[in-house]
Amino acid sequence: MKKTNIALATAVSGLIALAGTVASTSAVAAEEKEKCYGVAKAGKNDCATKTGSCAGTSKTDGQKDAFMMVPKGLCDRLAGGSTEG
């Protein structure tokens, strides 16, 4: 029965360590993104626009007030991309 307890404790410790790694990775990933306006395809924007109340409501490709979250620094390299809406 002792071997079962050791195995269970090891498994639980591994899960706790994994959860901590995933949480810190998610926080870092969120910090390394920025809003990029004017590059979303119609219906593919990430959040509300001046004319729509939620994600996926942009009416045209490249709508100037619709944005997508992209890795920091990428927006400047996209045709029509702007970090200001």
PDB file of N, CA and C in Angstrom:
ATOM      1  N   MET A   1       0.816  -1.188   0.000  1.00  0.00           N
ATOM      2  CA  MET A   1       0.000   0.000   0.000  1.00  0.00           C
ATOM      3  C   MET A   1       0.865   1.259   0.000  1.00  0.00           C
ATOM      4  N   LYS A   2       2.073   1.175   0.523  1.00  0.00           N
ATOM      5  CA  LYS A   2       2.958   2.333   0.542  1.00  0.00           C
ATOM      6  C   LYS A   2       3.361   2.766  -0.863  1.00  0.00           C
ATOM      7  N   LYS A   3       3.569   1.820  -1.759  1.00  0.00           N
ATOM      8  CA  LYS A   3       3.942   2.142  -3.124  1.00  0.00           C
ATOM      9  C   LYS A   3       2.826   2.919  -3.815  1.00  0.00           C
ATOM     10  N   THR A   4       1.576   2.586  -3.514  1.00  0.00           N
ATOM     11  CA  THR A   4       0.434   3.286  -4.101  1.00  0.00           C
ATOM     12  C   THR A   4       0.400   4.732  -3.633  1.00  0.00           C
ATOM     13  N   ASN A   5       0.664   4.967  -2.366  1.00  0.00           N
ATOM     14  CA  ASN A   5       0.670   6.332  -1.826  1.00  0.00           C
ATOM     15  C   ASN A   5       1.781   7.170  -2.451  1.00  0.00           C
ATOM     16  N   ILE A   6       2.941   6.578  -2.633  1.00  0.00           N
ATOM     17  CA  ILE A   6       4.069   7.296  -3.240  1.00  0.00           C
ATOM     18  C   ILE A   6       3.741   7.632  -4.695  1.00  0.00           C
ATOM     19  N   ALA A   7       3.165   6.685  -5.405  1.00  0.00           N
ATOM     20  CA  ALA A   7       2.797   6.919  -6.804  1.00  0.00           C
ATOM     21  C   ALA A   7       1.746   8.017  -6.912  1.00  0.00           C
ATOM     22  N   LEU A   8       0.772   7.997  -6.027  1.00  0.00           N
ATOM     23  CA  LEU A   8      -0.285   9.013  -6.030  1.00  0.00           C
ATOM     24  C   LEU A   8       0.292  10.392  -5.703  1.00  0.00           C
ATOM     25  N   ALA A   9       1.165  10.472  -4.726  1.00  0.00           N
ATOM     26  CA  ALA A   9       1.783  11.741  -4.353  1.00  0.00           C
ATOM     27  C   ALA A   9       2.628  12.291  -5.501  1.00  0.00           C
ATOM     28  N   THR A  10       3.340  11.415  -6.175  1.00  0.00           N
ATOM     29  CA  THR A  10       4.158  11.834  -7.323  1.00  0.00           C
ATOM     30  C   THR A  10       3.278  12.362  -8.450  1.00  0.00           C
ATOM     31  N   ALA A  11       2.177  11.685  -8.726  1.00  0.00           N
ATOM     32  CA  ALA A  11       1.267  12.112  -9.790  1.00  0.00           C
ATOM     33  C   ALA A  11       0.651  13.467  -9.470  1.00  0.00           C
ATOM     34  N   VAL A  12       0.218  13.654  -8.232  1.00  0.00           N
ATOM     35  CA  VAL A  12      -0.383  14.926  -7.821  1.00  0.00           C
ATOM     36  C   VAL A  12       0.644  16.052  -7.906  1.00  0.00           C
ATOM     37  N   SER A  13       1.865  15.796  -7.470  1.00  0.00           N
ATOM     38  CA  SER A  13       2.917  16.814  -7.552  1.00  0.00           C
ATOM     39  C   SER A  13       3.182  17.208  -9.002  1.00  0.00           C
ATOM     40  N   GLY A  14       3.199  16.229  -9.880  1.00  0.00           N
ATOM     41  CA  GLY A  14       3.413  16.505 -11.299  1.00  0.00           C
ATOM     42  C   GLY A  14       2.299  17.352 -11.885  1.00  0.00           C
ATOM     43  N   LEU A  15       1.067  17.068 -11.519  1.00  0.00           N
ATOM     44  CA  LEU A  15      -0.069  17.857 -12.015  1.00  0.00           C
ATOM     45  C   LEU A  15      -0.018  19.295 -11.504  1.00  0.00           C
ATOM     46  N   ILE A  16       0.353  19.475 -10.263  1.00  0.00           N
ATOM     47  CA  ILE A  16       0.454  20.831  -9.707  1.00  0.00           C
ATOM     48  C   ILE A  16       1.554  21.612 -10.429  1.00  0.00           C
ATOM     49  N   ALA A  17       2.680  20.974 -10.678  1.00  0.00           N
ATOM     50  CA  ALA A  17       3.768  21.642 -11.397  1.00  0.00           C
ATOM     51  C   ALA A  17       3.347  21.999 -12.816  1.00  0.00           C
ATOM     52  N   LEU A  18       2.641  21.104 -13.475  1.00  0.00           N
ATOM     53  CA  LEU A  18       2.164  21.352 -14.837  1.00  0.00           C
ATOM     54  C   LEU A  18       1.174  22.509 -14.857  1.00  0.00           C
ATOM     55  N   ALA A  19       0.271  22.549 -13.894  1.00  0.00           N
ATOM     56  CA  ALA A  19      -0.712  23.638 -13.834  1.00  0.00           C
ATOM     57  C   ALA A  19      -0.025  24.988 -13.651  1.00  0.00           C
ATOM     58  N   GLY A  20       0.998  25.047 -12.840  1.00  0.00           N
ATOM     59  CA  GLY A  20       1.746  26.288 -12.643  1.00  0.00           C
ATOM     60  C   GLY A  20       2.460  26.732 -13.905  1.00  0.00           C
ATOM     61  N   THR A  21       2.991  25.794 -14.644  1.00  0.00           N
ATOM     62  CA  THR A  21       3.672  26.113 -15.904  1.00  0.00           C
ATOM     63  C   THR A  21       2.695  26.649 -16.930  1.00  0.00           C
ATOM     64  N   VAL A  22       1.533  26.030 -17.048  1.00  0.00           N
ATOM     65  CA  VAL A  22       0.514  26.466 -18.010  1.00  0.00           C
ATOM     66  C   VAL A  22       0.011  27.857 -17.644  1.00  0.00           C
ATOM     67  N   ALA A  23      -0.219  28.114 -16.369  1.00  0.00           N
ATOM     68  CA  ALA A  23      -0.712  29.432 -15.945  1.00  0.00           C
ATOM     69  C   ALA A  23       0.304  30.524 -16.256  1.00  0.00           C
ATOM     70  N   SER A  24       1.573  30.275 -15.996  1.00  0.00           N
ATOM     71  CA  SER A  24       2.569  31.303 -16.261  1.00  0.00           C
ATOM     72  C   SER A  24       2.791  31.493 -17.754  1.00  0.00           C
ATOM     73  N   THR A  25       2.687  30.435 -18.543  1.00  0.00           N
ATOM     74  CA  THR A  25       2.832  30.537 -19.993  1.00  0.00           C
ATOM     75  C   THR A  25       1.687  31.352 -20.577  1.00  0.00           C
ATOM     76  N   SER A  26       0.469  31.151 -20.086  1.00  0.00           N
ATOM     77  CA  SER A  26      -0.692  31.903 -20.571  1.00  0.00           C
ATOM     78  C   SER A  26      -0.542  33.383 -20.267  1.00  0.00           C
ATOM     79  N   ALA A  27      -0.039  33.719 -19.097  1.00  0.00           N
ATOM     80  CA  ALA A  27       0.143  35.122 -18.728  1.00  0.00           C
ATOM     81  C   ALA A  27       1.182  35.778 -19.627  1.00  0.00           C
ATOM     82  N   VAL A  28       2.257  35.083 -19.915  1.00  0.00           N
ATOM     83  CA  VAL A  28       3.295  35.623 -20.783  1.00  0.00           C
ATOM     84  C   VAL A  28       2.754  35.781 -22.194  1.00  0.00           C
ATOM     85  N   ALA A  29       2.012  34.798 -22.680  1.00  0.00           N
ATOM     86  CA  ALA A  29       1.463  34.858 -24.037  1.00  0.00           C
ATOM     87  C   ALA A  29       0.505  36.039 -24.179  1.00  0.00           C
ATOM     88  N   ALA A  30      -0.291  36.310 -23.156  1.00  0.00           N
ATOM     89  CA  ALA A  30      -1.226  37.430 -23.222  1.00  0.00           C
ATOM     90  C   ALA A  30      -0.489  38.762 -23.262  1.00  0.00           C
ATOM     91  N   GLU A  31       0.637  38.859 -22.563  1.00  0.00           N
ATOM     92  CA  GLU A  31       1.405  40.102 -22.539  1.00  0.00           C
ATOM     93  C   GLU A  31       2.111  40.369 -23.862  1.00  0.00           C
ATOM     94  N   GLU A  32       2.356  39.348 -24.641  1.00  0.00           N
ATOM     95  CA  GLU A  32       3.119  39.493 -25.875  1.00  0.00           C
ATOM     96  C   GLU A  32       2.222  39.668 -27.099  1.00  0.00           C
ATOM     97  N   LYS A  33       0.983  40.087 -26.899  1.00  0.00           N
ATOM     98  CA  LYS A  33       0.054  40.300 -28.012  1.00  0.00           C
ATOM     99  C   LYS A  33      -0.384  41.758 -28.040  1.00  0.00           C
ATOM    100  N   GLU A  34      -0.845  42.194 -29.209  1.00  0.00           N
ATOM    101  CA  GLU A  34      -1.351  43.554 -29.340  1.00  0.00           C
ATOM    102  C   GLU A  34      -2.537  43.558 -30.306  1.00  0.00           C
ATOM    103  N   LYS A  35      -3.357  44.586 -30.202  1.00  0.00           N
ATOM    104  CA  LYS A  35      -4.483  44.748 -31.117  1.00  0.00           C
ATOM    105  C   LYS A  35      -3.964  45.280 -32.445  1.00  0.00           C
ATOM    106  N   CYS A  36      -4.406  44.660 -33.532  1.00  0.00           N
ATOM    107  CA  CYS A  36      -4.014  45.099 -34.865  1.00  0.00           C
ATOM    108  C   CYS A  36      -5.290  45.420 -35.649  1.00  0.00           C
ATOM    109  N   TYR A  37      -5.496  46.692 -35.907  1.00  0.00           N
ATOM    110  CA  TYR A  37      -6.695  47.158 -36.597  1.00  0.00           C
ATOM    111  C   TYR A  37      -6.511  47.125 -38.108  1.00  0.00           C
ATOM    112  N   GLY A  38      -7.605  46.852 -38.814  1.00  0.00           N
ATOM    113  CA  GLY A  38      -7.613  46.949 -40.269  1.00  0.00           C
ATOM    114  C   GLY A  38      -7.100  45.734 -41.023  1.00  0.00           C
ATOM    115  N   VAL A  39      -6.895  44.604 -40.354  1.00  0.00           N
ATOM    116  CA  VAL A  39      -6.375  43.431 -41.049  1.00  0.00           C
ATOM    117  C   VAL A  39      -7.326  42.237 -41.027  1.00  0.00           C
ATOM    118  N   ALA A  40      -8.413  42.326 -40.258  1.00  0.00           N
ATOM    119  CA  ALA A  40      -9.327  41.192 -40.129  1.00  0.00           C
ATOM    120  C   ALA A  40     -10.181  41.012 -41.379  1.00  0.00           C
ATOM    121  N   LYS A  41     -10.408  39.772 -41.738  1.00  0.00           N
ATOM    122  CA  LYS A  41     -11.346  39.449 -42.810  1.00  0.00           C
ATOM    123  C   LYS A  41     -12.766  39.684 -42.281  1.00  0.00           C
ATOM    124  N   ALA A  42     -13.716  39.863 -43.167  1.00  0.00           N
ATOM    125  CA  ALA A  42     -15.103  40.066 -42.767  1.00  0.00           C
ATOM    126  C   ALA A  42     -15.564  38.922 -41.867  1.00  0.00           C
ATOM    127  N   GLY A  43     -16.128  39.282 -40.721  1.00  0.00           N
ATOM    128  CA  GLY A  43     -16.643  38.296 -39.783  1.00  0.00           C
ATOM    129  C   GLY A  43     -15.591  37.589 -38.950  1.00  0.00           C
ATOM    130  N   LYS A  44     -14.341  38.015 -39.000  1.00  0.00           N
ATOM    131  CA  LYS A  44     -13.258  37.334 -38.278  1.00  0.00           C
ATOM    132  C   LYS A  44     -12.572  38.215 -37.238  1.00  0.00           C
ATOM    133  N   ASN A  45     -13.146  39.371 -36.896  1.00  0.00           N
ATOM    134  CA  ASN A  45     -12.520  40.237 -35.891  1.00  0.00           C
ATOM    135  C   ASN A  45     -12.648  39.625 -34.503  1.00  0.00           C
ATOM    136  N   ASP A  46     -11.764  40.057 -33.593  1.00  0.00           N
ATOM    137  CA  ASP A  46     -11.721  39.480 -32.251  1.00  0.00           C
ATOM    138  C   ASP A  46     -12.648  40.136 -31.244  1.00  0.00           C
ATOM    139  N   CYS A  47     -13.077  41.351 -31.455  1.00  0.00           N
ATOM    140  CA  CYS A  47     -13.911  42.006 -30.452  1.00  0.00           C
ATOM    141  C   CYS A  47     -14.820  43.036 -31.108  1.00  0.00           C
ATOM    142  N   ALA A  48     -15.555  43.762 -30.297  1.00  0.00           N
ATOM    143  CA  ALA A  48     -16.547  44.719 -30.783  1.00  0.00           C
ATOM    144  C   ALA A  48     -15.928  45.818 -31.655  1.00  0.00           C
ATOM    145  N   THR A  49     -16.736  46.365 -32.556  1.00  0.00           N
ATOM    146  CA  THR A  49     -16.336  47.486 -33.402  1.00  0.00           C
ATOM    147  C   THR A  49     -17.311  48.628 -33.165  1.00  0.00           C
ATOM    148  N   LYS A  50     -17.139  49.735 -33.854  1.00  0.00           N
ATOM    149  CA  LYS A  50     -18.071  50.859 -33.721  1.00  0.00           C
ATOM    150  C   LYS A  50     -19.454  50.487 -34.242  1.00  0.00           C
ATOM    151  N   THR A  51     -19.509  49.537 -35.187  1.00  0.00           N
ATOM    152  CA  THR A  51     -20.785  49.155 -35.792  1.00  0.00           C
ATOM    153  C   THR A  51     -21.291  47.793 -35.347  1.00  0.00           C
ATOM    154  N   GLY A  52     -20.532  47.067 -34.542  1.00  0.00           N
ATOM    155  CA  GLY A  52     -20.946  45.744 -34.067  1.00  0.00           C
ATOM    156  C   GLY A  52     -20.615  45.574 -32.603  1.00  0.00           C
ATOM    157  N   SER A  53     -21.429  44.796 -31.899  1.00  0.00           N
ATOM    158  CA  SER A  53     -21.266  44.693 -30.447  1.00  0.00           C
ATOM    159  C   SER A  53     -20.434  43.505 -29.979  1.00  0.00           C
ATOM    160  N   CYS A  54     -19.998  42.646 -30.888  1.00  0.00           N
ATOM    161  CA  CYS A  54     -19.207  41.505 -30.429  1.00  0.00           C
ATOM    162  C   CYS A  54     -18.278  40.983 -31.526  1.00  0.00           C
ATOM    163  N   ALA A  55     -17.487  40.001 -31.168  1.00  0.00           N
ATOM    164  CA  ALA A  55     -16.524  39.412 -32.108  1.00  0.00           C
ATOM    165  C   ALA A  55     -17.251  38.814 -33.304  1.00  0.00           C
ATOM    166  N   GLY A  56     -16.586  38.847 -34.449  1.00  0.00           N
ATOM    167  CA  GLY A  56     -17.143  38.237 -35.642  1.00  0.00           C
ATOM    168  C   GLY A  56     -18.198  39.067 -36.341  1.00  0.00           C
ATOM    169  N   THR A  57     -18.247  40.368 -36.056  1.00  0.00           N
ATOM    170  CA  THR A  57     -19.299  41.210 -36.642  1.00  0.00           C
ATOM    171  C   THR A  57     -18.790  42.187 -37.690  1.00  0.00           C
ATOM    172  N   SER A  58     -17.518  42.143 -38.031  1.00  0.00           N
ATOM    173  CA  SER A  58     -17.029  43.078 -39.052  1.00  0.00           C
ATOM    174  C   SER A  58     -17.703  42.752 -40.383  1.00  0.00           C
ATOM    175  N   LYS A  59     -18.039  43.782 -41.123  1.00  0.00           N
ATOM    176  CA  LYS A  59     -18.817  43.612 -42.359  1.00  0.00           C
ATOM    177  C   LYS A  59     -17.940  43.475 -43.603  1.00  0.00           C
ATOM    178  N   THR A  60     -16.734  44.043 -43.578  1.00  0.00           N
ATOM    179  CA  THR A  60     -15.873  44.014 -44.763  1.00  0.00           C
ATOM    180  C   THR A  60     -14.456  43.592 -44.389  1.00  0.00           C
ATOM    181  N   ASP A  61     -13.725  43.106 -45.359  1.00  0.00           N
ATOM    182  CA  ASP A  61     -12.314  42.807 -45.145  1.00  0.00           C
ATOM    183  C   ASP A  61     -11.573  44.113 -44.871  1.00  0.00           C
ATOM    184  N   GLY A  62     -10.676  44.109 -43.894  1.00  0.00           N
ATOM    185  CA  GLY A  62      -9.857  45.287 -43.609  1.00  0.00           C
ATOM    186  C   GLY A  62     -10.612  46.441 -42.978  1.00  0.00           C
ATOM    187  N   GLN A  63     -11.752  46.174 -42.364  1.00  0.00           N
ATOM    188  CA  GLN A  63     -12.530  47.239 -41.716  1.00  0.00           C
ATOM    189  C   GLN A  63     -11.648  47.940 -40.685  1.00  0.00           C
ATOM    190  N   LYS A  64     -11.546  49.254 -40.762  1.00  0.00           N
ATOM    191  CA  LYS A  64     -10.578  50.027 -39.977  1.00  0.00           C
ATOM    192  C   LYS A  64     -10.787  49.960 -38.470  1.00  0.00           C
ATOM    193  N   ASP A  65     -12.033  49.759 -37.993  1.00  0.00           N
ATOM    194  CA  ASP A  65     -12.265  49.724 -36.546  1.00  0.00           C
ATOM    195  C   ASP A  65     -12.320  48.291 -35.990  1.00  0.00           C
ATOM    196  N   ALA A  66     -12.104  47.291 -36.837  1.00  0.00           N
ATOM    197  CA  ALA A  66     -12.096  45.896 -36.395  1.00  0.00           C
ATOM    198  C   ALA A  66     -10.649  45.460 -36.158  1.00  0.00           C
ATOM    199  N   PHE A  67     -10.422  44.744 -35.055  1.00  0.00           N
ATOM    200  CA  PHE A  67      -9.057  44.318 -34.768  1.00  0.00           C
ATOM    201  C   PHE A  67      -8.961  42.826 -34.527  1.00  0.00           C
ATOM    202  N   MET A  68      -7.738  42.353 -34.620  1.00  0.00           N
ATOM    203  CA  MET A  68      -7.373  40.983 -34.267  1.00  0.00           C
ATOM    204  C   MET A  68      -6.189  41.073 -33.319  1.00  0.00           C
ATOM    205  N   MET A  69      -6.106  40.137 -32.387  1.00  0.00           N
ATOM    206  CA  MET A  69      -4.953  40.069 -31.507  1.00  0.00           C
ATOM    207  C   MET A  69      -3.848  39.315 -32.243  1.00  0.00           C
ATOM    208  N   VAL A  70      -2.680  39.925 -32.335  1.00  0.00           N
ATOM    209  CA  VAL A  70      -1.535  39.328 -33.032  1.00  0.00           C
ATOM    210  C   VAL A  70      -0.307  39.424 -32.141  1.00  0.00           C
ATOM    211  N   PRO A  71       0.716  38.618 -32.400  1.00  0.00           N
ATOM    212  CA  PRO A  71       1.952  38.734 -31.619  1.00  0.00           C
ATOM    213  C   PRO A  71       2.525  40.150 -31.733  1.00  0.00           C
ATOM    214  N   LYS A  72       3.032  40.656 -30.608  1.00  0.00           N
ATOM    215  CA  LYS A  72       3.590  42.004 -30.562  1.00  0.00           C
ATOM    216  C   LYS A  72       4.652  42.195 -31.639  1.00  0.00           C
ATOM    217  N   GLY A  73       4.522  43.291 -32.403  1.00  0.00           N
ATOM    218  CA  GLY A  73       5.468  43.618 -33.451  1.00  0.00           C
ATOM    219  C   GLY A  73       5.037  43.165 -34.842  1.00  0.00           C
ATOM    220  N   LEU A  74       4.085  42.240 -34.930  1.00  0.00           N
ATOM    221  CA  LEU A  74       3.646  41.730 -36.222  1.00  0.00           C
ATOM    222  C   LEU A  74       2.767  42.737 -36.960  1.00  0.00           C
ATOM    223  N   CYS A  75       1.953  43.483 -36.264  1.00  0.00           N
ATOM    224  CA  CYS A  75       0.996  44.390 -36.891  1.00  0.00           C
ATOM    225  C   CYS A  75       1.672  45.389 -37.823  1.00  0.00           C
ATOM    226  N   ASP A  76       2.805  45.917 -37.410  1.00  0.00           N
ATOM    227  CA  ASP A  76       3.528  46.888 -38.232  1.00  0.00           C
ATOM    228  C   ASP A  76       3.984  46.309 -39.567  1.00  0.00           C
ATOM    229  N   ARG A  77       4.099  44.992 -39.634  1.00  0.00           N
ATOM    230  CA  ARG A  77       4.566  44.353 -40.865  1.00  0.00           C
ATOM    231  C   ARG A  77       3.419  43.897 -41.774  1.00  0.00           C
ATOM    232  N   LEU A  78       2.170  44.003 -41.323  1.00  0.00           N
ATOM    233  CA  LEU A  78       1.024  43.586 -42.123  1.00  0.00           C
ATOM    234  C   LEU A  78       0.490  44.743 -42.953  1.00  0.00           C
ATOM    235  N   ALA A  79       0.157  44.482 -44.198  1.00  0.00           N
ATOM    236  CA  ALA A  79      -0.385  45.517 -45.079  1.00  0.00           C
ATOM    237  C   ALA A  79      -1.712  46.021 -44.520  1.00  0.00           C
ATOM    238  N   GLY A  80      -1.811  47.310 -44.292  1.00  0.00           N
ATOM    239  CA  GLY A  80      -3.031  47.911 -43.763  1.00  0.00           C
ATOM    240  C   GLY A  80      -3.157  47.831 -42.264  1.00  0.00           C
ATOM    241  N   GLY A  81      -2.203  47.201 -41.578  1.00  0.00           N
ATOM    242  CA  GLY A  81      -2.262  47.041 -40.131  1.00  0.00           C
ATOM    243  C   GLY A  81      -1.878  48.290 -39.371  1.00  0.00           C
ATOM    244  N   SER A  82      -2.603  48.541 -38.269  1.00  0.00           N
ATOM    245  CA  SER A  82      -2.322  49.691 -37.415  1.00  0.00           C
ATOM    246  C   SER A  82      -2.624  49.314 -35.975  1.00  0.00           C
ATOM    247  N   THR A  83      -1.824  49.765 -35.037  1.00  0.00           N
ATOM    248  CA  THR A  83      -2.071  49.495 -33.629  1.00  0.00           C
ATOM    249  C   THR A  83      -3.026  50.507 -33.014  1.00  0.00           C
ATOM    250  N   GLU A  84      -3.482  51.462 -33.816  1.00  0.00           N
ATOM    251  CA  GLU A  84      -4.439  52.458 -33.344  1.00  0.00           C
ATOM    252  C   GLU A  84      -5.722  52.340 -34.153  1.00  0.00           C
ATOM    253  N   GLY A  85      -6.865  52.284 -33.437  1.00  0.00           N
ATOM    254  CA  GLY A  85      -8.158  52.109 -34.105  1.00  0.00           C
ATOM    255  C   GLY A  85      -8.820  53.317 -34.415  1.00  0.00           C
TER     256      GLY A  85
END
